[in-house]
Every structure is written in structure tokens, then in C-alpha cells.
Amino acid sequence: MLGYDDKRAFFRMMMNSPCTLLVNGDGAKQKISALCRDISATGMSFEVPEALQVGDEMEVNIESTSDQISSLCAIVKVVRQFEENDSTFVVGTEVVQMM
């Protein structure tokens, strides 16, 4: 990809869409309201109000606001995170399965 400074294999599409994360925990799923910042063919990043653990798997649901575009549902795994400020964490994930 000539002229593309980011070393990723796929381009990221900026989203800034509200979504719901269902984090697999100890026998129960924790529901978290989040903001999907961006998406690519292999991953997504989210703004969340609390820290998650690298390796956590979760279900992502992004509802479509258009009749012409389907809602998105996927299983993702946390690969990195950082604290952006006192109330926001940014979580990078890889797509495990599209549903």
C-alpha cells in the first residue's frame, strides 16, 4: 500500500457509533455501553467506561440506523487497552467471529 504510513494490513473505517458489549465473565455476561471508534476487516476499537482485561472475549452489537445496512454482531477478543482519561478506556480488539 504505497503512501500508507500505518503498517496495518487493512484500512480502518472511522465509526463513532454507540454499541453494546457483552463481556464473558465468570459464568455471567456483563453488559457495557460503549462507543465503537473504528473498524477494519480484522479488528475494532472501543471507548469504554471501565478497564477490561487483555484476552477477554465479548460479543459486540452495533445497531444500524438504516434499513439498507444490517446491524453488526461479532465476537471479539481484547488485544490491548489504555486509559484515555479518568473515565474512559480505549480497547483494541481482534475479530474472532462475525455472526
PDB file of N, CA and C in Angstrom:
ATOM      1  N   MET A   1       0.843  -1.172   0.000  1.00  0.00           N
ATOM      2  CA  MET A   1       0.000   0.000   0.000  1.00  0.00           C
ATOM      3  C   MET A   1       0.888   1.235   0.000  1.00  0.00           C
ATOM      4  N   LEU A   2       1.155   1.770  -1.135  1.00  0.00           N
ATOM      5  CA  LEU A   2       2.035   2.910  -1.273  1.00  0.00           C
ATOM      6  C   LEU A   2       1.471   4.135  -0.574  1.00  0.00           C
ATOM      7  N   GLY A   3       2.336   4.829   0.157  1.00  0.00           N
ATOM      8  CA  GLY A   3       1.933   6.051   0.815  1.00  0.00           C
ATOM      9  C   GLY A   3       1.093   5.859   2.059  1.00  0.00           C
ATOM     10  N   TYR A   4       0.916   4.667   2.510  1.00  0.00           N
ATOM     11  CA  TYR A   4       0.106   4.389   3.690  1.00  0.00           C
ATOM     12  C   TYR A   4       1.041   4.199   4.868  1.00  0.00           C
ATOM     13  N   ASP A   5       1.085   5.181   5.793  1.00  0.00           N
ATOM     14  CA  ASP A   5       2.037   5.179   6.897  1.00  0.00           C
ATOM     15  C   ASP A   5       1.729   4.150   7.967  1.00  0.00           C
ATOM     16  N   ASP A   6       0.461   3.884   8.201  1.00  0.00           N
ATOM     17  CA  ASP A   6       0.075   2.894   9.199  1.00  0.00           C
ATOM     18  C   ASP A   6       0.433   1.512   8.658  1.00  0.00           C
ATOM     19  N   LYS A   7       1.067   0.679   9.444  1.00  0.00           N
ATOM     20  CA  LYS A   7       1.577  -0.610   8.982  1.00  0.00           C
ATOM     21  C   LYS A   7       0.541  -1.727   9.040  1.00  0.00           C
ATOM     22  N   ARG A   8      -0.709  -1.402   9.170  1.00  0.00           N
ATOM     23  CA  ARG A   8      -1.768  -2.402   9.238  1.00  0.00           C
ATOM     24  C   ARG A   8      -2.043  -2.989   7.855  1.00  0.00           C
ATOM     25  N   ALA A   9      -2.519  -4.216   7.847  1.00  0.00           N
ATOM     26  CA  ALA A   9      -2.829  -4.887   6.585  1.00  0.00           C
ATOM     27  C   ALA A   9      -4.139  -4.381   5.981  1.00  0.00           C
ATOM     28  N   PHE A  10      -5.031  -3.823   6.804  1.00  0.00           N
ATOM     29  CA  PHE A  10      -6.326  -3.358   6.331  1.00  0.00           C
ATOM     30  C   PHE A  10      -6.570  -1.932   6.814  1.00  0.00           C
ATOM     31  N   PHE A  11      -7.236  -1.125   6.002  1.00  0.00           N
ATOM     32  CA  PHE A  11      -7.602   0.220   6.395  1.00  0.00           C
ATOM     33  C   PHE A  11      -8.663   0.183   7.483  1.00  0.00           C
ATOM     34  N   ARG A  12      -8.645   1.194   8.351  1.00  0.00           N
ATOM     35  CA  ARG A  12      -9.671   1.322   9.373  1.00  0.00           C
ATOM     36  C   ARG A  12     -10.715   2.337   8.925  1.00  0.00           C
ATOM     37  N   MET A  13     -11.975   2.039   9.200  1.00  0.00           N
ATOM     38  CA  MET A  13     -13.057   2.960   8.908  1.00  0.00           C
ATOM     39  C   MET A  13     -13.503   3.591  10.223  1.00  0.00           C
ATOM     40  N   MET A  14     -13.496   4.908  10.292  1.00  0.00           N
ATOM     41  CA  MET A  14     -13.927   5.601  11.493  1.00  0.00           C
ATOM     42  C   MET A  14     -15.437   5.449  11.634  1.00  0.00           C
ATOM     43  N   MET A  15     -15.891   5.166  12.861  1.00  0.00           N
ATOM     44  CA  MET A  15     -17.315   4.895  13.080  1.00  0.00           C
ATOM     45  C   MET A  15     -17.954   5.879  14.059  1.00  0.00           C
ATOM     46  N   ASN A  16     -17.443   5.918  15.288  1.00  0.00           N
ATOM     47  CA  ASN A  16     -18.038   6.693  16.374  1.00  0.00           C
ATOM     48  C   ASN A  16     -19.520   6.372  16.541  1.00  0.00           C
ATOM     49  N   SER A  17     -19.801   5.064  16.654  1.00  0.00           N
ATOM     50  CA  SER A  17     -21.177   4.575  16.799  1.00  0.00           C
ATOM     51  C   SER A  17     -21.402   3.960  18.172  1.00  0.00           C
ATOM     52  N   PRO A  18     -22.528   4.271  18.808  1.00  0.00           N
ATOM     53  CA  PRO A  18     -22.851   3.617  20.074  1.00  0.00           C
ATOM     54  C   PRO A  18     -23.038   2.118  19.845  1.00  0.00           C
ATOM     55  N   CYS A  19     -22.645   1.338  20.831  1.00  0.00           N
ATOM     56  CA  CYS A  19     -22.788  -0.114  20.718  1.00  0.00           C
ATOM     57  C   CYS A  19     -22.916  -0.722  22.114  1.00  0.00           C
ATOM     58  N   THR A  20     -23.220  -2.004  22.122  1.00  0.00           N
ATOM     59  CA  THR A  20     -23.321  -2.761  23.365  1.00  0.00           C
ATOM     60  C   THR A  20     -22.299  -3.878  23.339  1.00  0.00           C
ATOM     61  N   LEU A  21     -21.578  -4.040  24.434  1.00  0.00           N
ATOM     62  CA  LEU A  21     -20.614  -5.130  24.589  1.00  0.00           C
ATOM     63  C   LEU A  21     -21.139  -6.073  25.664  1.00  0.00           C
ATOM     64  N   LEU A  22     -21.128  -7.361  25.376  1.00  0.00           N
ATOM     65  CA  LEU A  22     -21.467  -8.382  26.369  1.00  0.00           C
ATOM     66  C   LEU A  22     -20.175  -9.128  26.672  1.00  0.00           C
ATOM     67  N   VAL A  23     -19.562  -8.810  27.802  1.00  0.00           N
ATOM     68  CA  VAL A  23     -18.267  -9.372  28.173  1.00  0.00           C
ATOM     69  C   VAL A  23     -18.483 -10.688  28.894  1.00  0.00           C
ATOM     70  N   ASN A  24     -17.829 -11.739  28.411  1.00  0.00           N
ATOM     71  CA  ASN A  24     -17.914 -13.050  29.055  1.00  0.00           C
ATOM     72  C   ASN A  24     -17.126 -13.008  30.354  1.00  0.00           C
ATOM     73  N   GLY A  25     -17.821 -13.223  31.456  1.00  0.00           N
ATOM     74  CA  GLY A  25     -17.176 -13.216  32.759  1.00  0.00           C
ATOM     75  C   GLY A  25     -17.246 -14.583  33.396  1.00  0.00           C
ATOM     76  N   ASP A  26     -17.178 -14.620  34.695  1.00  0.00           N
ATOM     77  CA  ASP A  26     -17.238 -15.870  35.449  1.00  0.00           C
ATOM     78  C   ASP A  26     -18.668 -16.402  35.471  1.00  0.00           C
ATOM     79  N   GLY A  27     -19.075 -17.047  34.388  1.00  0.00           N
ATOM     80  CA  GLY A  27     -20.392 -17.645  34.315  1.00  0.00           C
ATOM     81  C   GLY A  27     -21.511 -16.683  33.978  1.00  0.00           C
ATOM     82  N   ALA A  28     -21.210 -15.387  33.854  1.00  0.00           N
ATOM     83  CA  ALA A  28     -22.242 -14.409  33.524  1.00  0.00           C
ATOM     84  C   ALA A  28     -21.666 -13.417  32.515  1.00  0.00           C
ATOM     85  N   LYS A  29     -22.565 -12.773  31.788  1.00  0.00           N
ATOM     86  CA  LYS A  29     -22.140 -11.759  30.832  1.00  0.00           C
ATOM     87  C   LYS A  29     -22.417 -10.382  31.410  1.00  0.00           C
ATOM     88  N   GLN A  30     -21.416  -9.526  31.345  1.00  0.00           N
ATOM     89  CA  GLN A  30     -21.546  -8.154  31.811  1.00  0.00           C
ATOM     90  C   GLN A  30     -21.864  -7.268  30.613  1.00  0.00           C
ATOM     91  N   LYS A  31     -22.937  -6.486  30.701  1.00  0.00           N
ATOM     92  CA  LYS A  31     -23.353  -5.607  29.608  1.00  0.00           C
ATOM     93  C   LYS A  31     -22.721  -4.225  29.807  1.00  0.00           C
ATOM     94  N   ILE A  32     -22.035  -3.736  28.767  1.00  0.00           N
ATOM     95  CA  ILE A  32     -21.368  -2.434  28.826  1.00  0.00           C
ATOM     96  C   ILE A  32     -21.804  -1.610  27.624  1.00  0.00           C
ATOM     97  N   SER A  33     -22.215  -0.377  27.865  1.00  0.00           N
ATOM     98  CA  SER A  33     -22.479   0.561  26.776  1.00  0.00           C
ATOM     99  C   SER A  33     -21.147   1.181  26.383  1.00  0.00           C
ATOM    100  N   ALA A  34     -20.878   1.209  25.073  1.00  0.00           N
ATOM    101  CA  ALA A  34     -19.586   1.669  24.586  1.00  0.00           C
ATOM    102  C   ALA A  34     -19.767   2.495  23.325  1.00  0.00           C
ATOM    103  N   LEU A  35     -18.655   3.017  22.818  1.00  0.00           N
ATOM    104  CA  LEU A  35     -18.631   3.727  21.554  1.00  0.00           C
ATOM    105  C   LEU A  35     -17.609   3.035  20.668  1.00  0.00           C
ATOM    106  N   CYS A  36     -18.043   2.538  19.519  1.00  0.00           N
ATOM    107  CA  CYS A  36     -17.120   1.926  18.566  1.00  0.00           C
ATOM    108  C   CYS A  36     -16.445   3.057  17.803  1.00  0.00           C
ATOM    109  N   ARG A  37     -15.132   3.198  17.987  1.00  0.00           N
ATOM    110  CA  ARG A  37     -14.385   4.272  17.323  1.00  0.00           C
ATOM    111  C   ARG A  37     -14.096   3.955  15.874  1.00  0.00           C
ATOM    112  N   ASP A  38     -13.645   2.721  15.629  1.00  0.00           N
ATOM    113  CA  ASP A  38     -13.298   2.348  14.262  1.00  0.00           C
ATOM    114  C   ASP A  38     -13.384   0.845  14.083  1.00  0.00           C
ATOM    115  N   ILE A  39     -13.383   0.436  12.807  1.00  0.00           N
ATOM    116  CA  ILE A  39     -13.500  -0.973  12.469  1.00  0.00           C
ATOM    117  C   ILE A  39     -12.645  -1.238  11.228  1.00  0.00           C
ATOM    118  N   SER A  40     -12.056  -2.427  11.167  1.00  0.00           N
ATOM    119  CA  SER A  40     -11.346  -2.872   9.974  1.00  0.00           C
ATOM    120  C   SER A  40     -11.769  -4.305   9.697  1.00  0.00           C
ATOM    121  N   ALA A  41     -11.155  -4.928   8.730  1.00  0.00           N
ATOM    122  CA  ALA A  41     -11.507  -6.310   8.384  1.00  0.00           C
ATOM    123  C   ALA A  41     -11.163  -7.273   9.512  1.00  0.00           C
ATOM    124  N   THR A  42     -10.219  -6.916  10.372  1.00  0.00           N
ATOM    125  CA  THR A  42      -9.770  -7.851  11.408  1.00  0.00           C
ATOM    126  C   THR A  42      -9.926  -7.350  12.835  1.00  0.00           C
ATOM    127  N   GLY A  43     -10.404  -6.126  13.043  1.00  0.00           N
ATOM    128  CA  GLY A  43     -10.499  -5.638  14.413  1.00  0.00           C
ATOM    129  C   GLY A  43     -11.373  -4.406  14.556  1.00  0.00           C
ATOM    130  N   MET A  44     -11.552  -4.000  15.821  1.00  0.00           N
ATOM    131  CA  MET A  44     -12.350  -2.829  16.176  1.00  0.00           C
ATOM    132  C   MET A  44     -11.729  -2.195  17.411  1.00  0.00           C
ATOM    133  N   SER A  45     -11.996  -0.900  17.591  1.00  0.00           N
ATOM    134  CA  SER A  45     -11.610  -0.270  18.853  1.00  0.00           C
ATOM    135  C   SER A  45     -12.834   0.411  19.462  1.00  0.00           C
ATOM    136  N   PHE A  46     -12.841   0.455  20.783  1.00  0.00           N
ATOM    137  CA  PHE A  46     -13.994   0.950  21.536  1.00  0.00           C
ATOM    138  C   PHE A  46     -13.553   1.886  22.642  1.00  0.00           C
ATOM    139  N   GLU A  47     -14.413   2.858  22.973  1.00  0.00           N
ATOM    140  CA  GLU A  47     -14.293   3.638  24.200  1.00  0.00           C
ATOM    141  C   GLU A  47     -15.221   2.986  25.204  1.00  0.00           C
ATOM    142  N   VAL A  48     -14.686   2.637  26.375  1.00  0.00           N
ATOM    143  CA  VAL A  48     -15.490   2.007  27.423  1.00  0.00           C
ATOM    144  C   VAL A  48     -15.274   2.744  28.741  1.00  0.00           C
ATOM    145  N   PRO A  49     -16.248   2.676  29.659  1.00  0.00           N
ATOM    146  CA  PRO A  49     -16.133   3.403  30.916  1.00  0.00           C
ATOM    147  C   PRO A  49     -15.322   2.681  31.997  1.00  0.00           C
ATOM    148  N   GLU A  50     -14.879   1.464  31.717  1.00  0.00           N
ATOM    149  CA  GLU A  50     -14.119   0.708  32.715  1.00  0.00           C
ATOM    150  C   GLU A  50     -13.064  -0.151  32.025  1.00  0.00           C
ATOM    151  N   ALA A  51     -12.049  -0.513  32.781  1.00  0.00           N
ATOM    152  CA  ALA A  51     -10.955  -1.314  32.231  1.00  0.00           C
ATOM    153  C   ALA A  51     -11.415  -2.739  31.942  1.00  0.00           C
ATOM    154  N   LEU A  52     -10.932  -3.288  30.848  1.00  0.00           N
ATOM    155  CA  LEU A  52     -11.139  -4.692  30.515  1.00  0.00           C
ATOM    156  C   LEU A  52      -9.776  -5.366  30.511  1.00  0.00           C
ATOM    157  N   GLN A  53      -9.761  -6.682  30.473  1.00  0.00           N
ATOM    158  CA  GLN A  53      -8.511  -7.429  30.520  1.00  0.00           C
ATOM    159  C   GLN A  53      -8.126  -7.915  29.129  1.00  0.00           C
ATOM    160  N   VAL A  54      -6.830  -7.834  28.807  1.00  0.00           N
ATOM    161  CA  VAL A  54      -6.347  -8.425  27.569  1.00  0.00           C
ATOM    162  C   VAL A  54      -6.706  -9.908  27.587  1.00  0.00           C
ATOM    163  N   GLY A  55      -7.269 -10.395  26.512  1.00  0.00           N
ATOM    164  CA  GLY A  55      -7.717 -11.783  26.432  1.00  0.00           C
ATOM    165  C   GLY A  55      -9.203 -11.959  26.649  1.00  0.00           C
ATOM    166  N   ASP A  56      -9.881 -10.948  27.239  1.00  0.00           N
ATOM    167  CA  ASP A  56     -11.336 -11.029  27.415  1.00  0.00           C
ATOM    168  C   ASP A  56     -12.013 -11.171  26.061  1.00  0.00           C
ATOM    169  N   GLU A  57     -12.994 -12.064  25.969  1.00  0.00           N
ATOM    170  CA  GLU A  57     -13.816 -12.174  24.765  1.00  0.00           C
ATOM    171  C   GLU A  57     -15.168 -11.558  25.054  1.00  0.00           C
ATOM    172  N   MET A  58     -15.740 -10.916  24.033  1.00  0.00           N
ATOM    173  CA  MET A  58     -17.029 -10.279  24.207  1.00  0.00           C
ATOM    174  C   MET A  58     -17.799 -10.258  22.901  1.00  0.00           C
ATOM    175  N   GLU A  59     -19.105 -10.144  23.040  1.00  0.00           N
ATOM    176  CA  GLU A  59     -19.987 -10.011  21.887  1.00  0.00           C
ATOM    177  C   GLU A  59     -20.250  -8.529  21.676  1.00  0.00           C
ATOM    178  N   VAL A  60     -20.136  -8.082  20.435  1.00  0.00           N
ATOM    179  CA  VAL A  60     -20.365  -6.690  20.063  1.00  0.00           C
ATOM    180  C   VAL A  60     -21.651  -6.607  19.252  1.00  0.00           C
ATOM    181  N   ASN A  61     -22.503  -5.668  19.607  1.00  0.00           N
ATOM    182  CA  ASN A  61     -23.726  -5.414  18.848  1.00  0.00           C
ATOM    183  C   ASN A  61     -23.776  -3.934  18.498  1.00  0.00           C
ATOM    184  N   ILE A  62     -23.772  -3.650  17.183  1.00  0.00           N
ATOM    185  CA  ILE A  62     -23.901  -2.279  16.700  1.00  0.00           C
ATOM    186  C   ILE A  62     -25.171  -2.232  15.863  1.00  0.00           C
ATOM    187  N   GLU A  63     -26.163  -1.536  16.382  1.00  0.00           N
ATOM    188  CA  GLU A  63     -27.454  -1.444  15.695  1.00  0.00           C
ATOM    189  C   GLU A  63     -27.345  -0.474  14.526  1.00  0.00           C
ATOM    190  N   SER A  64     -27.911  -0.853  13.401  1.00  0.00           N
ATOM    191  CA  SER A  64     -27.926   0.002  12.220  1.00  0.00           C
ATOM    192  C   SER A  64     -29.059   1.010  12.327  1.00  0.00           C
ATOM    193  N   THR A  65     -28.816   2.198  11.828  1.00  0.00           N
ATOM    194  CA  THR A  65     -29.865   3.218  11.798  1.00  0.00           C
ATOM    195  C   THR A  65     -30.487   3.315  10.413  1.00  0.00           C
ATOM    196  N   SER A  66     -30.093   2.396   9.521  1.00  0.00           N
ATOM    197  CA  SER A  66     -30.581   2.405   8.143  1.00  0.00           C
ATOM    198  C   SER A  66     -31.226   1.070   7.797  1.00  0.00           C
ATOM    199  N   ASP A  67     -32.297   1.121   7.021  1.00  0.00           N
ATOM    200  CA  ASP A  67     -32.936  -0.107   6.543  1.00  0.00           C
ATOM    201  C   ASP A  67     -32.064  -0.820   5.520  1.00  0.00           C
ATOM    202  N   GLN A  68     -31.143  -0.103   4.921  1.00  0.00           N
ATOM    203  CA  GLN A  68     -30.311  -0.652   3.849  1.00  0.00           C
ATOM    204  C   GLN A  68     -29.009  -1.271   4.350  1.00  0.00           C
ATOM    205  N   ILE A  69     -28.691  -1.063   5.618  1.00  0.00           N
ATOM    206  CA  ILE A  69     -27.458  -1.602   6.203  1.00  0.00           C
ATOM    207  C   ILE A  69     -27.822  -2.471   7.390  1.00  0.00           C
ATOM    208  N   SER A  70     -27.321  -3.696   7.403  1.00  0.00           N
ATOM    209  CA  SER A  70     -27.606  -4.628   8.505  1.00  0.00           C
ATOM    210  C   SER A  70     -26.870  -4.217   9.771  1.00  0.00           C
ATOM    211  N   SER A  71     -27.442  -4.584  10.910  1.00  0.00           N
ATOM    212  CA  SER A  71     -26.746  -4.411  12.187  1.00  0.00           C
ATOM    213  C   SER A  71     -25.538  -5.339  12.206  1.00  0.00           C
ATOM    214  N   LEU A  72     -24.558  -5.017  13.023  1.00  0.00           N
ATOM    215  CA  LEU A  72     -23.341  -5.816  13.108  1.00  0.00           C
ATOM    216  C   LEU A  72     -23.311  -6.550  14.442  1.00  0.00           C
ATOM    217  N   CYS A  73     -22.988  -7.819  14.395  1.00  0.00           N
ATOM    218  CA  CYS A  73     -22.814  -8.626  15.593  1.00  0.00           C
ATOM    219  C   CYS A  73     -21.563  -9.471  15.397  1.00  0.00           C
ATOM    220  N   ALA A  74     -20.657  -9.439  16.369  1.00  0.00           N
ATOM    221  CA  ALA A  74     -19.397 -10.170  16.253  1.00  0.00           C
ATOM    222  C   ALA A  74     -18.887 -10.578  17.627  1.00  0.00           C
ATOM    223  N   ILE A  75     -18.018 -11.572  17.631  1.00  0.00           N
ATOM    224  CA  ILE A  75     -17.264 -11.935  18.831  1.00  0.00           C
ATOM    225  C   ILE A  75     -15.858 -11.373  18.631  1.00  0.00           C
ATOM    226  N   VAL A  76     -15.368 -10.640  19.622  1.00  0.00           N
ATOM    227  CA  VAL A  76     -14.030 -10.050  19.540  1.00  0.00           C
ATOM    228  C   VAL A  76     -13.241 -10.393  20.796  1.00  0.00           C
ATOM    229  N   LYS A  77     -11.910 -10.265  20.684  1.00  0.00           N
ATOM    230  CA  LYS A  77     -11.029 -10.522  21.819  1.00  0.00           C
ATOM    231  C   LYS A  77     -10.158  -9.291  22.049  1.00  0.00           C
ATOM    232  N   VAL A  78     -10.039  -8.861  23.310  1.00  0.00           N
ATOM    233  CA  VAL A  78      -9.231  -7.698  23.666  1.00  0.00           C
ATOM    234  C   VAL A  78      -7.755  -8.029  23.467  1.00  0.00           C
ATOM    235  N   VAL A  79      -7.060  -7.183  22.686  1.00  0.00           N
ATOM    236  CA  VAL A  79      -5.630  -7.378  22.464  1.00  0.00           C
ATOM    237  C   VAL A  79      -4.786  -6.267  23.090  1.00  0.00           C
ATOM    238  N   ARG A  80      -5.418  -5.121  23.378  1.00  0.00           N
ATOM    239  CA  ARG A  80      -4.708  -4.038  24.066  1.00  0.00           C
ATOM    240  C   ARG A  80      -5.731  -3.048  24.609  1.00  0.00           C
ATOM    241  N   GLN A  81      -5.269  -2.229  25.559  1.00  0.00           N
ATOM    242  CA  GLN A  81      -6.109  -1.164  26.094  1.00  0.00           C
ATOM    243  C   GLN A  81      -5.240  -0.121  26.751  1.00  0.00           C
ATOM    244  N   PHE A  82      -5.757   1.096  26.849  1.00  0.00           N
ATOM    245  CA  PHE A  82      -5.078   2.142  27.604  1.00  0.00           C
ATOM    246  C   PHE A  82      -6.120   3.082  28.189  1.00  0.00           C
ATOM    247  N   GLU A  83      -5.737   3.750  29.263  1.00  0.00           N
ATOM    248  CA  GLU A  83      -6.626   4.698  29.912  1.00  0.00           C
ATOM    249  C   GLU A  83      -6.470   6.044  29.222  1.00  0.00           C
ATOM    250  N   GLU A  84      -7.558   6.531  28.622  1.00  0.00           N
ATOM    251  CA  GLU A  84      -7.508   7.807  27.911  1.00  0.00           C
ATOM    252  C   GLU A  84      -7.639   8.978  28.884  1.00  0.00           C
ATOM    253  N   ASN A  85      -8.531   8.835  29.850  1.00  0.00           N
ATOM    254  CA  ASN A  85      -8.691   9.828  30.922  1.00  0.00           C
ATOM    255  C   ASN A  85      -9.311   9.119  32.121  1.00  0.00           C
ATOM    256  N   ASP A  86      -9.725   9.866  33.125  1.00  0.00           N
ATOM    257  CA  ASP A  86     -10.229   9.259  34.361  1.00  0.00           C
ATOM    258  C   ASP A  86     -11.466   8.390  34.174  1.00  0.00           C
ATOM    259  N   SER A  87     -12.247   8.643  33.123  1.00  0.00           N
ATOM    260  CA  SER A  87     -13.498   7.899  32.963  1.00  0.00           C
ATOM    261  C   SER A  87     -13.605   7.148  31.641  1.00  0.00           C
ATOM    262  N   THR A  88     -12.525   7.094  30.858  1.00  0.00           N
ATOM    263  CA  THR A  88     -12.589   6.442  29.556  1.00  0.00           C
ATOM    264  C   THR A  88     -11.355   5.596  29.286  1.00  0.00           C
ATOM    265  N   PHE A  89     -11.607   4.367  28.862  1.00  0.00           N
ATOM    266  CA  PHE A  89     -10.545   3.470  28.419  1.00  0.00           C
ATOM    267  C   PHE A  89     -10.756   3.197  26.937  1.00  0.00           C
ATOM    268  N   VAL A  90      -9.668   3.036  26.199  1.00  0.00           N
ATOM    269  CA  VAL A  90      -9.750   2.669  24.787  1.00  0.00           C
ATOM    270  C   VAL A  90      -9.261   1.236  24.671  1.00  0.00           C
ATOM    271  N   VAL A  91     -10.097   0.395  24.061  1.00  0.00           N
ATOM    272  CA  VAL A  91      -9.822  -1.034  23.961  1.00  0.00           C
ATOM    273  C   VAL A  91      -9.676  -1.406  22.486  1.00  0.00           C
ATOM    274  N   GLY A  92      -8.574  -2.050  22.143  1.00  0.00           N
ATOM    275  CA  GLY A  92      -8.366  -2.575  20.801  1.00  0.00           C
ATOM    276  C   GLY A  92      -8.667  -4.059  20.793  1.00  0.00           C
ATOM    277  N   THR A  93      -9.426  -4.507  19.792  1.00  0.00           N
ATOM    278  CA  THR A  93      -9.834  -5.915  19.743  1.00  0.00           C
ATOM    279  C   THR A  93      -9.551  -6.506  18.372  1.00  0.00           C
ATOM    280  N   GLU A  94      -9.480  -7.835  18.340  1.00  0.00           N
ATOM    281  CA  GLU A  94      -9.431  -8.547  17.065  1.00  0.00           C
ATOM    282  C   GLU A  94     -10.725  -9.328  16.904  1.00  0.00           C
ATOM    283  N   VAL A  95     -11.199  -9.412  15.663  1.00  0.00           N
ATOM    284  CA  VAL A  95     -12.434 -10.136  15.391  1.00  0.00           C
ATOM    285  C   VAL A  95     -12.148 -11.626  15.421  1.00  0.00           C
ATOM    286  N   VAL A  96     -12.902 -12.341  16.255  1.00  0.00           N
ATOM    287  CA  VAL A  96     -12.813 -13.808  16.347  1.00  0.00           C
ATOM    288  C   VAL A  96     -13.827 -14.436  15.410  1.00  0.00           C
ATOM    289  N   GLN A  97     -15.042 -13.881  15.393  1.00  0.00           N
ATOM    290  CA  GLN A  97     -16.110 -14.438  14.560  1.00  0.00           C
ATOM    291  C   GLN A  97     -17.153 -13.367  14.272  1.00  0.00           C
ATOM    292  N   MET A  98     -17.566 -13.289  13.008  1.00  0.00           N
ATOM    293  CA  MET A  98     -18.699 -12.430  12.638  1.00  0.00           C
ATOM    294  C   MET A  98     -19.953 -13.296  12.727  1.00  0.00           C
ATOM    295  N   MET A  99     -21.034 -12.744  13.260  1.00  0.00           N
ATOM    296  CA  MET A  99     -22.252 -13.527  13.442  1.00  0.00           C
ATOM    297  C   MET A  99     -23.373 -12.958  12.589  1.00  0.00           C
TER     298      MET A  99
END
